[in-house]
Amino acid sequence: MTHIPTLTTDRLLLRGHRLEDFDEFCALWKHEEIVRFIGGEMPTREQVWARLLRYAGLWHHLGFGFFAVEERQSGRLIGEVGFLDLHRDMTPMTEGTLEAGWGITPPMQGKGYATEAMNAAIAWADGQFAGRRMTCIVDLENAPSLRVAEKIGFRRIGELAIKDRSNALFER
């Protein structure tokens, strides 16, 4: 197993997902406010389990992946951020890039946690994968995430459709 780093910010701890996170992870993915912009369908327990295992596989095979995000003060899992490479069948392709993504549980949104966590993740990735292209895809109706993308240094380079939804494509 590849070592998953632990990153610390003023308010957050970014770490690898743990099996004991599964119930909290399921709760995160049961928020309509999160899934409506990421696929649009509420995942089953089995699909959330597959997502958790996929994250471990990303770290193992690619040396990067998603971090679980804990609020340091409470110790609660409040979301996840990180990078993936899904080899999606779409144009333009993001294959081979560090595709950034983030999701913060709705009660904790609007506090700057996604920006803070992604800045830490990007700083780590810049040290590990210097010069590698980073991308992110954000649903055009997701105004808060569009703002986060710009705050963390991404610039919009185009649009693409995923499951009949319009998305902005960004790179850094």
N, C-alpha and C. Protein backbone atom coordinates (compact mmCIF):
# COMPACT_ATOMS: atom_id res chain seq x y z
N MET A 1 0.85 -1.19 0.00
CA MET A 1 0.00 0.00 0.00
C MET A 1 0.88 1.23 0.00
N THR A 2 0.53 2.18 -0.82
CA THR A 2 1.23 3.45 -0.88
C THR A 2 0.90 4.27 0.36
N HIS A 3 1.89 4.97 0.86
CA HIS A 3 1.67 5.85 2.00
C HIS A 3 0.80 7.03 1.57
N ILE A 4 -0.26 7.28 2.32
CA ILE A 4 -1.12 8.42 2.07
C ILE A 4 -0.71 9.49 3.08
N PRO A 5 -0.28 10.64 2.60
CA PRO A 5 0.19 11.66 3.55
C PRO A 5 -0.96 12.24 4.37
N THR A 6 -0.61 12.80 5.49
CA THR A 6 -1.54 13.56 6.31
C THR A 6 -1.13 15.01 6.21
N LEU A 7 -2.07 15.86 5.85
CA LEU A 7 -1.82 17.29 5.69
C LEU A 7 -2.61 18.04 6.75
N THR A 8 -2.01 19.08 7.31
CA THR A 8 -2.67 19.85 8.35
C THR A 8 -2.72 21.31 7.94
N THR A 9 -3.89 21.92 8.14
CA THR A 9 -4.05 23.35 7.95
C THR A 9 -4.47 23.92 9.31
N ASP A 10 -4.73 25.21 9.34
CA ASP A 10 -5.16 25.82 10.61
C ASP A 10 -6.39 25.14 11.19
N ARG A 11 -7.34 24.77 10.32
CA ARG A 11 -8.60 24.24 10.83
C ARG A 11 -8.88 22.80 10.45
N LEU A 12 -8.07 22.22 9.57
CA LEU A 12 -8.41 20.94 8.98
C LEU A 12 -7.27 19.93 9.05
N LEU A 13 -7.67 18.67 9.01
CA LEU A 13 -6.74 17.56 8.88
C LEU A 13 -7.17 16.80 7.62
N LEU A 14 -6.25 16.64 6.68
CA LEU A 14 -6.51 15.88 5.47
C LEU A 14 -5.74 14.58 5.61
N ARG A 15 -6.44 13.46 5.47
CA ARG A 15 -5.83 12.15 5.70
C ARG A 15 -6.48 11.12 4.79
N GLY A 16 -5.92 9.94 4.78
CA GLY A 16 -6.52 8.86 4.01
C GLY A 16 -7.85 8.44 4.62
N HIS A 17 -8.73 7.93 3.78
CA HIS A 17 -9.99 7.39 4.27
C HIS A 17 -9.71 6.10 5.05
N ARG A 18 -10.52 5.85 6.03
CA ARG A 18 -10.42 4.63 6.86
C ARG A 18 -11.71 3.85 6.73
N LEU A 19 -11.64 2.55 6.91
CA LEU A 19 -12.85 1.74 6.85
C LEU A 19 -13.87 2.19 7.89
N GLU A 20 -13.39 2.63 9.05
CA GLU A 20 -14.32 3.09 10.09
C GLU A 20 -15.01 4.42 9.74
N ASP A 21 -14.58 5.06 8.65
CA ASP A 21 -15.25 6.28 8.16
C ASP A 21 -16.50 5.96 7.34
N PHE A 22 -16.72 4.68 7.05
CA PHE A 22 -17.74 4.33 6.06
C PHE A 22 -19.11 4.91 6.36
N ASP A 23 -19.61 4.83 7.59
CA ASP A 23 -20.94 5.35 7.89
C ASP A 23 -21.00 6.86 7.69
N GLU A 24 -19.96 7.59 8.13
CA GLU A 24 -19.94 9.04 7.91
C GLU A 24 -19.82 9.35 6.42
N PHE A 25 -19.06 8.53 5.71
CA PHE A 25 -18.89 8.69 4.27
C PHE A 25 -20.23 8.49 3.56
N CYS A 26 -20.99 7.48 3.99
CA CYS A 26 -22.34 7.26 3.43
C CYS A 26 -23.22 8.47 3.69
N ALA A 27 -23.14 9.02 4.90
CA ALA A 27 -23.97 10.19 5.24
C ALA A 27 -23.60 11.38 4.35
N LEU A 28 -22.31 11.58 4.08
CA LEU A 28 -21.88 12.67 3.21
C LEU A 28 -22.51 12.52 1.83
N TRP A 29 -22.51 11.32 1.29
CA TRP A 29 -23.00 11.08 -0.06
C TRP A 29 -24.52 10.93 -0.13
N LYS A 30 -25.22 11.14 0.98
CA LYS A 30 -26.68 11.13 0.98
C LYS A 30 -27.26 12.55 0.95
N HIS A 31 -26.41 13.55 0.83
CA HIS A 31 -26.87 14.94 0.73
C HIS A 31 -27.19 15.26 -0.72
N GLU A 32 -28.44 15.60 -0.98
CA GLU A 32 -28.85 15.95 -2.34
C GLU A 32 -28.02 17.12 -2.87
N GLU A 33 -27.64 18.05 -1.98
CA GLU A 33 -26.87 19.22 -2.39
C GLU A 33 -25.50 18.84 -2.96
N ILE A 34 -24.98 17.68 -2.58
CA ILE A 34 -23.70 17.23 -3.11
C ILE A 34 -23.91 16.43 -4.39
N VAL A 35 -24.79 15.45 -4.37
CA VAL A 35 -24.92 14.56 -5.53
C VAL A 35 -25.57 15.21 -6.73
N ARG A 36 -26.34 16.27 -6.54
CA ARG A 36 -27.00 16.85 -7.72
C ARG A 36 -25.98 17.40 -8.71
N PHE A 37 -24.81 17.80 -8.25
CA PHE A 37 -23.79 18.32 -9.15
C PHE A 37 -22.74 17.26 -9.54
N ILE A 38 -22.83 16.09 -8.94
CA ILE A 38 -21.86 15.02 -9.23
C ILE A 38 -22.66 13.77 -9.60
N GLY A 39 -23.10 13.72 -10.81
CA GLY A 39 -23.83 12.57 -11.29
C GLY A 39 -25.34 12.66 -11.17
N GLY A 40 -25.83 13.39 -10.18
CA GLY A 40 -27.25 13.63 -10.05
C GLY A 40 -28.07 12.53 -9.41
N GLU A 41 -27.47 11.38 -9.14
CA GLU A 41 -28.22 10.27 -8.56
C GLU A 41 -27.67 9.93 -7.19
N MET A 42 -28.57 9.68 -6.23
CA MET A 42 -28.18 9.31 -4.89
C MET A 42 -27.52 7.93 -4.94
N PRO A 43 -26.28 7.82 -4.49
CA PRO A 43 -25.61 6.51 -4.57
C PRO A 43 -26.17 5.54 -3.53
N THR A 44 -26.13 4.26 -3.89
CA THR A 44 -26.49 3.21 -2.94
C THR A 44 -25.33 3.01 -1.97
N ARG A 45 -25.59 2.29 -0.92
CA ARG A 45 -24.53 1.95 0.05
C ARG A 45 -23.39 1.22 -0.66
N GLU A 46 -23.74 0.32 -1.56
CA GLU A 46 -22.74 -0.43 -2.32
C GLU A 46 -21.89 0.51 -3.19
N GLN A 47 -22.51 1.50 -3.81
CA GLN A 47 -21.77 2.45 -4.64
C GLN A 47 -20.83 3.32 -3.80
N VAL A 48 -21.27 3.69 -2.61
CA VAL A 48 -20.40 4.46 -1.72
C VAL A 48 -19.21 3.59 -1.29
N TRP A 49 -19.46 2.33 -1.01
CA TRP A 49 -18.38 1.40 -0.66
C TRP A 49 -17.39 1.29 -1.82
N ALA A 50 -17.89 1.17 -3.05
CA ALA A 50 -17.01 1.08 -4.22
C ALA A 50 -16.19 2.37 -4.37
N ARG A 51 -16.79 3.52 -4.07
CA ARG A 51 -16.07 4.80 -4.13
C ARG A 51 -14.92 4.79 -3.12
N LEU A 52 -15.20 4.34 -1.90
CA LEU A 52 -14.18 4.28 -0.86
C LEU A 52 -13.02 3.38 -1.31
N LEU A 53 -13.33 2.24 -1.90
CA LEU A 53 -12.29 1.33 -2.38
C LEU A 53 -11.54 1.91 -3.58
N ARG A 54 -12.26 2.64 -4.43
CA ARG A 54 -11.61 3.30 -5.58
C ARG A 54 -10.54 4.27 -5.10
N TYR A 55 -10.86 5.02 -4.03
CA TYR A 55 -9.88 5.96 -3.50
C TYR A 55 -8.60 5.25 -3.08
N ALA A 56 -8.73 4.12 -2.41
CA ALA A 56 -7.54 3.35 -2.01
C ALA A 56 -6.76 2.91 -3.24
N GLY A 57 -7.48 2.50 -4.28
CA GLY A 57 -6.82 2.07 -5.52
C GLY A 57 -6.09 3.20 -6.22
N LEU A 58 -6.66 4.40 -6.20
CA LEU A 58 -5.97 5.55 -6.79
C LEU A 58 -4.63 5.78 -6.11
N TRP A 59 -4.64 5.80 -4.78
CA TRP A 59 -3.39 6.01 -4.05
C TRP A 59 -2.39 4.89 -4.36
N HIS A 60 -2.88 3.65 -4.37
CA HIS A 60 -2.00 2.51 -4.59
C HIS A 60 -1.36 2.52 -5.98
N HIS A 61 -2.16 2.76 -6.99
CA HIS A 61 -1.66 2.65 -8.36
C HIS A 61 -1.10 3.95 -8.94
N LEU A 62 -1.62 5.10 -8.51
CA LEU A 62 -1.22 6.36 -9.13
C LEU A 62 -0.41 7.27 -8.20
N GLY A 63 -0.42 6.97 -6.90
CA GLY A 63 0.34 7.80 -5.97
C GLY A 63 -0.38 9.07 -5.55
N PHE A 64 -1.65 9.19 -5.93
CA PHE A 64 -2.48 10.32 -5.50
C PHE A 64 -3.91 9.83 -5.38
N GLY A 65 -4.73 10.65 -4.76
CA GLY A 65 -6.13 10.27 -4.60
C GLY A 65 -6.86 11.33 -3.80
N PHE A 66 -7.90 10.90 -3.14
CA PHE A 66 -8.71 11.81 -2.32
C PHE A 66 -8.34 11.67 -0.86
N PHE A 67 -8.42 12.80 -0.17
CA PHE A 67 -8.22 12.85 1.27
C PHE A 67 -9.58 12.97 1.95
N ALA A 68 -9.73 12.32 3.09
CA ALA A 68 -10.85 12.61 3.98
C ALA A 68 -10.50 13.92 4.67
N VAL A 69 -11.49 14.79 4.84
CA VAL A 69 -11.26 16.09 5.48
C VAL A 69 -11.96 16.09 6.84
N GLU A 70 -11.14 16.25 7.87
CA GLU A 70 -11.65 16.36 9.24
C GLU A 70 -11.54 17.80 9.71
N GLU A 71 -12.54 18.24 10.42
CA GLU A 71 -12.44 19.51 11.11
C GLU A 71 -11.62 19.23 12.38
N ARG A 72 -10.50 19.91 12.54
CA ARG A 72 -9.60 19.62 13.65
C ARG A 72 -10.25 19.83 15.01
N GLN A 73 -11.01 20.89 15.14
CA GLN A 73 -11.62 21.20 16.43
C GLN A 73 -12.58 20.11 16.91
N SER A 74 -13.42 19.61 16.02
CA SER A 74 -14.42 18.62 16.40
C SER A 74 -14.00 17.18 16.13
N GLY A 75 -13.04 16.99 15.20
CA GLY A 75 -12.66 15.64 14.80
C GLY A 75 -13.65 14.98 13.86
N ARG A 76 -14.65 15.73 13.39
CA ARG A 76 -15.68 15.19 12.50
C ARG A 76 -15.22 15.17 11.05
N LEU A 77 -15.63 14.14 10.34
CA LEU A 77 -15.41 14.07 8.90
C LEU A 77 -16.39 15.05 8.25
N ILE A 78 -15.87 16.05 7.54
CA ILE A 78 -16.75 17.07 6.96
C ILE A 78 -16.73 17.06 5.43
N GLY A 79 -15.91 16.21 4.84
CA GLY A 79 -15.89 16.16 3.39
C GLY A 79 -14.67 15.44 2.87
N GLU A 80 -14.37 15.72 1.62
CA GLU A 80 -13.21 15.12 0.97
C GLU A 80 -12.74 16.02 -0.15
N VAL A 81 -11.45 15.96 -0.40
CA VAL A 81 -10.84 16.70 -1.50
C VAL A 81 -9.70 15.85 -2.05
N GLY A 82 -9.30 16.16 -3.26
CA GLY A 82 -8.15 15.45 -3.80
C GLY A 82 -8.13 15.41 -5.30
N PHE A 83 -7.53 14.34 -5.81
CA PHE A 83 -7.27 14.21 -7.23
C PHE A 83 -7.62 12.81 -7.70
N LEU A 84 -8.04 12.72 -8.94
CA LEU A 84 -8.32 11.42 -9.54
C LEU A 84 -7.99 11.45 -11.01
N ASP A 85 -8.02 10.29 -11.61
CA ASP A 85 -7.87 10.14 -13.05
C ASP A 85 -8.79 8.99 -13.44
N LEU A 86 -9.96 9.32 -13.96
CA LEU A 86 -10.99 8.31 -14.20
C LEU A 86 -11.02 7.76 -15.62
N HIS A 87 -10.16 8.25 -16.50
CA HIS A 87 -10.17 7.80 -17.90
C HIS A 87 -11.58 7.88 -18.48
N ARG A 88 -12.20 9.03 -18.28
CA ARG A 88 -13.57 9.25 -18.77
C ARG A 88 -13.59 9.31 -20.30
N ASP A 89 -14.65 8.82 -20.86
CA ASP A 89 -14.87 8.89 -22.29
C ASP A 89 -15.59 10.20 -22.58
N MET A 90 -14.82 11.29 -22.74
CA MET A 90 -15.40 12.60 -22.98
C MET A 90 -14.42 13.46 -23.76
N THR A 91 -14.93 14.53 -24.31
CA THR A 91 -14.11 15.47 -25.06
C THR A 91 -14.39 16.86 -24.54
N PRO A 92 -13.37 17.62 -24.19
CA PRO A 92 -11.96 17.23 -24.16
C PRO A 92 -11.68 16.27 -23.00
N MET A 93 -10.61 15.52 -23.14
CA MET A 93 -10.25 14.52 -22.14
C MET A 93 -9.43 15.14 -21.01
N THR A 94 -9.60 14.58 -19.83
CA THR A 94 -8.76 14.97 -18.68
C THR A 94 -7.82 13.83 -18.31
N GLU A 95 -7.84 12.77 -19.08
CA GLU A 95 -7.01 11.61 -18.80
C GLU A 95 -5.54 12.02 -18.69
N GLY A 96 -4.87 11.50 -17.67
CA GLY A 96 -3.45 11.79 -17.47
C GLY A 96 -3.22 13.05 -16.64
N THR A 97 -4.27 13.76 -16.31
CA THR A 97 -4.12 14.95 -15.48
C THR A 97 -4.43 14.60 -14.03
N LEU A 98 -4.08 15.50 -13.15
CA LEU A 98 -4.54 15.44 -11.76
C LEU A 98 -5.88 16.18 -11.76
N GLU A 99 -6.97 15.44 -11.83
CA GLU A 99 -8.29 16.07 -11.86
C GLU A 99 -8.74 16.33 -10.43
N ALA A 100 -8.80 17.59 -10.08
CA ALA A 100 -9.14 17.98 -8.71
C ALA A 100 -10.64 17.89 -8.47
N GLY A 101 -10.99 17.58 -7.23
CA GLY A 101 -12.38 17.55 -6.84
C GLY A 101 -12.51 17.82 -5.36
N TRP A 102 -13.68 18.28 -4.96
CA TRP A 102 -13.93 18.58 -3.55
C TRP A 102 -15.41 18.46 -3.26
N GLY A 103 -15.70 18.10 -2.03
CA GLY A 103 -17.08 18.05 -1.55
C GLY A 103 -17.08 18.23 -0.05
N ILE A 104 -17.80 19.21 0.41
CA ILE A 104 -17.92 19.49 1.84
C ILE A 104 -19.39 19.32 2.23
N THR A 105 -19.64 18.66 3.34
CA THR A 105 -21.01 18.44 3.78
C THR A 105 -21.75 19.76 3.90
N PRO A 106 -22.99 19.83 3.41
CA PRO A 106 -23.71 21.10 3.36
C PRO A 106 -23.71 21.93 4.65
N PRO A 107 -23.87 21.32 5.84
CA PRO A 107 -23.85 22.18 7.03
C PRO A 107 -22.52 22.92 7.25
N MET A 108 -21.46 22.46 6.60
CA MET A 108 -20.15 23.07 6.78
C MET A 108 -19.72 23.93 5.58
N GLN A 109 -20.57 24.02 4.58
CA GLN A 109 -20.25 24.82 3.40
C GLN A 109 -20.32 26.30 3.73
N GLY A 110 -19.62 27.10 2.93
CA GLY A 110 -19.64 28.55 3.11
C GLY A 110 -18.68 29.07 4.16
N LYS A 111 -17.81 28.20 4.66
CA LYS A 111 -16.84 28.59 5.70
C LYS A 111 -15.40 28.61 5.18
N GLY A 112 -15.24 28.38 3.89
CA GLY A 112 -13.90 28.39 3.30
C GLY A 112 -13.15 27.08 3.43
N TYR A 113 -13.83 26.02 3.90
CA TYR A 113 -13.14 24.74 4.09
C TYR A 113 -12.66 24.12 2.77
N ALA A 114 -13.47 24.17 1.73
CA ALA A 114 -13.06 23.58 0.45
C ALA A 114 -11.82 24.28 -0.09
N THR A 115 -11.81 25.60 -0.02
CA THR A 115 -10.64 26.36 -0.50
C THR A 115 -9.41 26.04 0.34
N GLU A 116 -9.57 26.03 1.65
CA GLU A 116 -8.44 25.73 2.55
C GLU A 116 -7.88 24.33 2.30
N ALA A 117 -8.78 23.36 2.20
CA ALA A 117 -8.34 21.98 1.98
C ALA A 117 -7.70 21.79 0.61
N MET A 118 -8.30 22.37 -0.42
CA MET A 118 -7.73 22.22 -1.76
C MET A 118 -6.39 22.93 -1.89
N ASN A 119 -6.23 24.08 -1.25
CA ASN A 119 -4.91 24.74 -1.28
C ASN A 119 -3.84 23.84 -0.68
N ALA A 120 -4.16 23.13 0.41
CA ALA A 120 -3.19 22.20 1.01
C ALA A 120 -2.92 21.03 0.08
N ALA A 121 -3.97 20.48 -0.52
CA ALA A 121 -3.80 19.34 -1.43
C ALA A 121 -2.99 19.74 -2.66
N ILE A 122 -3.24 20.92 -3.20
CA ILE A 122 -2.51 21.40 -4.37
C ILE A 122 -1.04 21.63 -4.02
N ALA A 123 -0.76 22.20 -2.87
CA ALA A 123 0.63 22.41 -2.45
C ALA A 123 1.36 21.06 -2.35
N TRP A 124 0.68 20.06 -1.80
CA TRP A 124 1.28 18.72 -1.72
C TRP A 124 1.53 18.18 -3.13
N ALA A 125 0.52 18.25 -4.00
CA ALA A 125 0.65 17.71 -5.36
C ALA A 125 1.72 18.44 -6.16
N ASP A 126 1.83 19.75 -5.97
CA ASP A 126 2.89 20.50 -6.67
C ASP A 126 4.26 19.98 -6.29
N GLY A 127 4.43 19.58 -5.04
CA GLY A 127 5.71 19.03 -4.59
C GLY A 127 5.97 17.62 -5.11
N GLN A 128 4.92 16.85 -5.30
CA GLN A 128 5.06 15.45 -5.73
C GLN A 128 5.04 15.28 -7.25
N PHE A 129 4.31 16.13 -7.93
CA PHE A 129 4.08 15.97 -9.37
C PHE A 129 4.35 17.29 -10.09
N ALA A 130 5.47 17.88 -9.80
CA ALA A 130 5.81 19.20 -10.36
C ALA A 130 5.62 19.20 -11.88
N GLY A 131 4.92 20.21 -12.36
CA GLY A 131 4.73 20.37 -13.79
C GLY A 131 3.59 19.57 -14.38
N ARG A 132 2.98 18.69 -13.61
CA ARG A 132 1.87 17.89 -14.15
C ARG A 132 0.61 18.76 -14.22
N ARG A 133 -0.08 18.65 -15.30
CA ARG A 133 -1.30 19.44 -15.52
C ARG A 133 -2.39 19.04 -14.53
N MET A 134 -3.05 20.04 -13.98
CA MET A 134 -4.20 19.83 -13.11
C MET A 134 -5.43 20.36 -13.82
N THR A 135 -6.53 19.64 -13.66
CA THR A 135 -7.80 20.05 -14.23
C THR A 135 -8.88 19.93 -13.15
N CYS A 136 -10.01 20.52 -13.41
CA CYS A 136 -11.21 20.25 -12.61
C CYS A 136 -12.43 20.52 -13.48
N ILE A 137 -13.50 19.84 -13.15
CA ILE A 137 -14.75 19.95 -13.88
C ILE A 137 -15.81 20.38 -12.87
N VAL A 138 -16.51 21.47 -13.18
CA VAL A 138 -17.51 22.00 -12.26
C VAL A 138 -18.82 22.25 -13.02
N ASP A 139 -19.90 21.74 -12.47
CA ASP A 139 -21.23 21.96 -13.03
C ASP A 139 -21.48 23.46 -13.11
N LEU A 140 -21.97 23.93 -14.25
CA LEU A 140 -22.18 25.36 -14.44
C LEU A 140 -23.22 25.95 -13.48
N GLU A 141 -24.07 25.12 -12.89
CA GLU A 141 -25.05 25.61 -11.92
C GLU A 141 -24.52 25.63 -10.50
N ASN A 142 -23.31 25.15 -10.29
CA ASN A 142 -22.72 25.08 -8.95
C ASN A 142 -21.86 26.32 -8.70
N ALA A 143 -22.52 27.44 -8.47
CA ALA A 143 -21.81 28.72 -8.29
C ALA A 143 -20.76 28.68 -7.19
N PRO A 144 -21.01 28.08 -6.01
CA PRO A 144 -19.97 28.06 -4.98
C PRO A 144 -18.70 27.32 -5.43
N SER A 145 -18.86 26.20 -6.12
CA SER A 145 -17.67 25.47 -6.58
C SER A 145 -16.97 26.18 -7.73
N LEU A 146 -17.71 26.89 -8.55
CA LEU A 146 -17.07 27.70 -9.59
C LEU A 146 -16.16 28.75 -8.94
N ARG A 147 -16.64 29.36 -7.84
CA ARG A 147 -15.82 30.34 -7.11
C ARG A 147 -14.60 29.68 -6.47
N VAL A 148 -14.79 28.49 -5.90
CA VAL A 148 -13.65 27.78 -5.29
C VAL A 148 -12.59 27.51 -6.36
N ALA A 149 -13.00 27.03 -7.52
CA ALA A 149 -12.03 26.74 -8.59
C ALA A 149 -11.19 27.97 -8.91
N GLU A 150 -11.81 29.11 -9.01
CA GLU A 150 -11.06 30.33 -9.31
C GLU A 150 -10.16 30.74 -8.14
N LYS A 151 -10.66 30.61 -6.91
CA LYS A 151 -9.86 30.98 -5.73
C LYS A 151 -8.59 30.14 -5.60
N ILE A 152 -8.65 28.89 -6.02
CA ILE A 152 -7.49 28.01 -5.86
C ILE A 152 -6.60 27.99 -7.10
N GLY A 153 -6.84 28.93 -8.00
CA GLY A 153 -5.91 29.13 -9.10
C GLY A 153 -6.23 28.46 -10.42
N PHE A 154 -7.42 27.92 -10.57
CA PHE A 154 -7.80 27.33 -11.85
C PHE A 154 -8.38 28.40 -12.76
N ARG A 155 -8.15 28.23 -14.06
CA ARG A 155 -8.74 29.14 -15.03
C ARG A 155 -9.59 28.32 -16.00
N ARG A 156 -10.70 28.88 -16.34
CA ARG A 156 -11.66 28.19 -17.20
C ARG A 156 -11.13 28.13 -18.62
N ILE A 157 -11.16 26.93 -19.22
CA ILE A 157 -10.64 26.75 -20.58
C ILE A 157 -11.70 26.23 -21.55
N GLY A 158 -12.88 25.91 -21.03
CA GLY A 158 -13.91 25.42 -21.94
C GLY A 158 -15.10 24.85 -21.20
N GLU A 159 -15.95 24.18 -21.97
CA GLU A 159 -17.13 23.54 -21.43
C GLU A 159 -17.23 22.14 -21.99
N LEU A 160 -17.93 21.28 -21.25
CA LEU A 160 -18.20 19.93 -21.72
C LEU A 160 -19.47 19.44 -21.06
N ALA A 161 -20.09 18.45 -21.66
CA ALA A 161 -21.32 17.88 -21.11
C ALA A 161 -21.02 16.52 -20.52
N ILE A 162 -21.55 16.29 -19.32
CA ILE A 162 -21.48 14.99 -18.67
C ILE A 162 -22.89 14.66 -18.24
N LYS A 163 -23.39 13.51 -18.71
CA LYS A 163 -24.77 13.09 -18.40
C LYS A 163 -25.76 14.22 -18.66
N ASP A 164 -25.64 14.85 -19.80
CA ASP A 164 -26.55 15.91 -20.25
C ASP A 164 -26.53 17.15 -19.36
N ARG A 165 -25.47 17.34 -18.59
CA ARG A 165 -25.34 18.56 -17.77
C ARG A 165 -24.13 19.33 -18.29
N SER A 166 -24.26 20.64 -18.35
CA SER A 166 -23.18 21.50 -18.80
C SER A 166 -22.20 21.76 -17.67
N ASN A 167 -20.93 21.60 -17.98
CA ASN A 167 -19.87 21.78 -17.00
C ASN A 167 -18.77 22.67 -17.55
N ALA A 168 -18.12 23.39 -16.66
CA ALA A 168 -16.95 24.18 -17.01
C ALA A 168 -15.72 23.29 -16.81
N LEU A 169 -14.79 23.38 -17.73
CA LEU A 169 -13.51 22.69 -17.61
C LEU A 169 -12.47 23.73 -17.25
N PHE A 170 -11.72 23.46 -16.20
CA PHE A 170 -10.67 24.36 -15.73
C PHE A 170 -9.33 23.64 -15.77
N GLU A 171 -8.26 24.43 -15.85
CA GLU A 171 -6.91 23.88 -15.70
C GLU A 171 -6.10 24.83 -14.84
N ARG A 172 -5.02 24.32 -14.31
CA ARG A 172 -4.13 25.08 -13.45
C ARG A 172 -2.72 24.82 -13.93
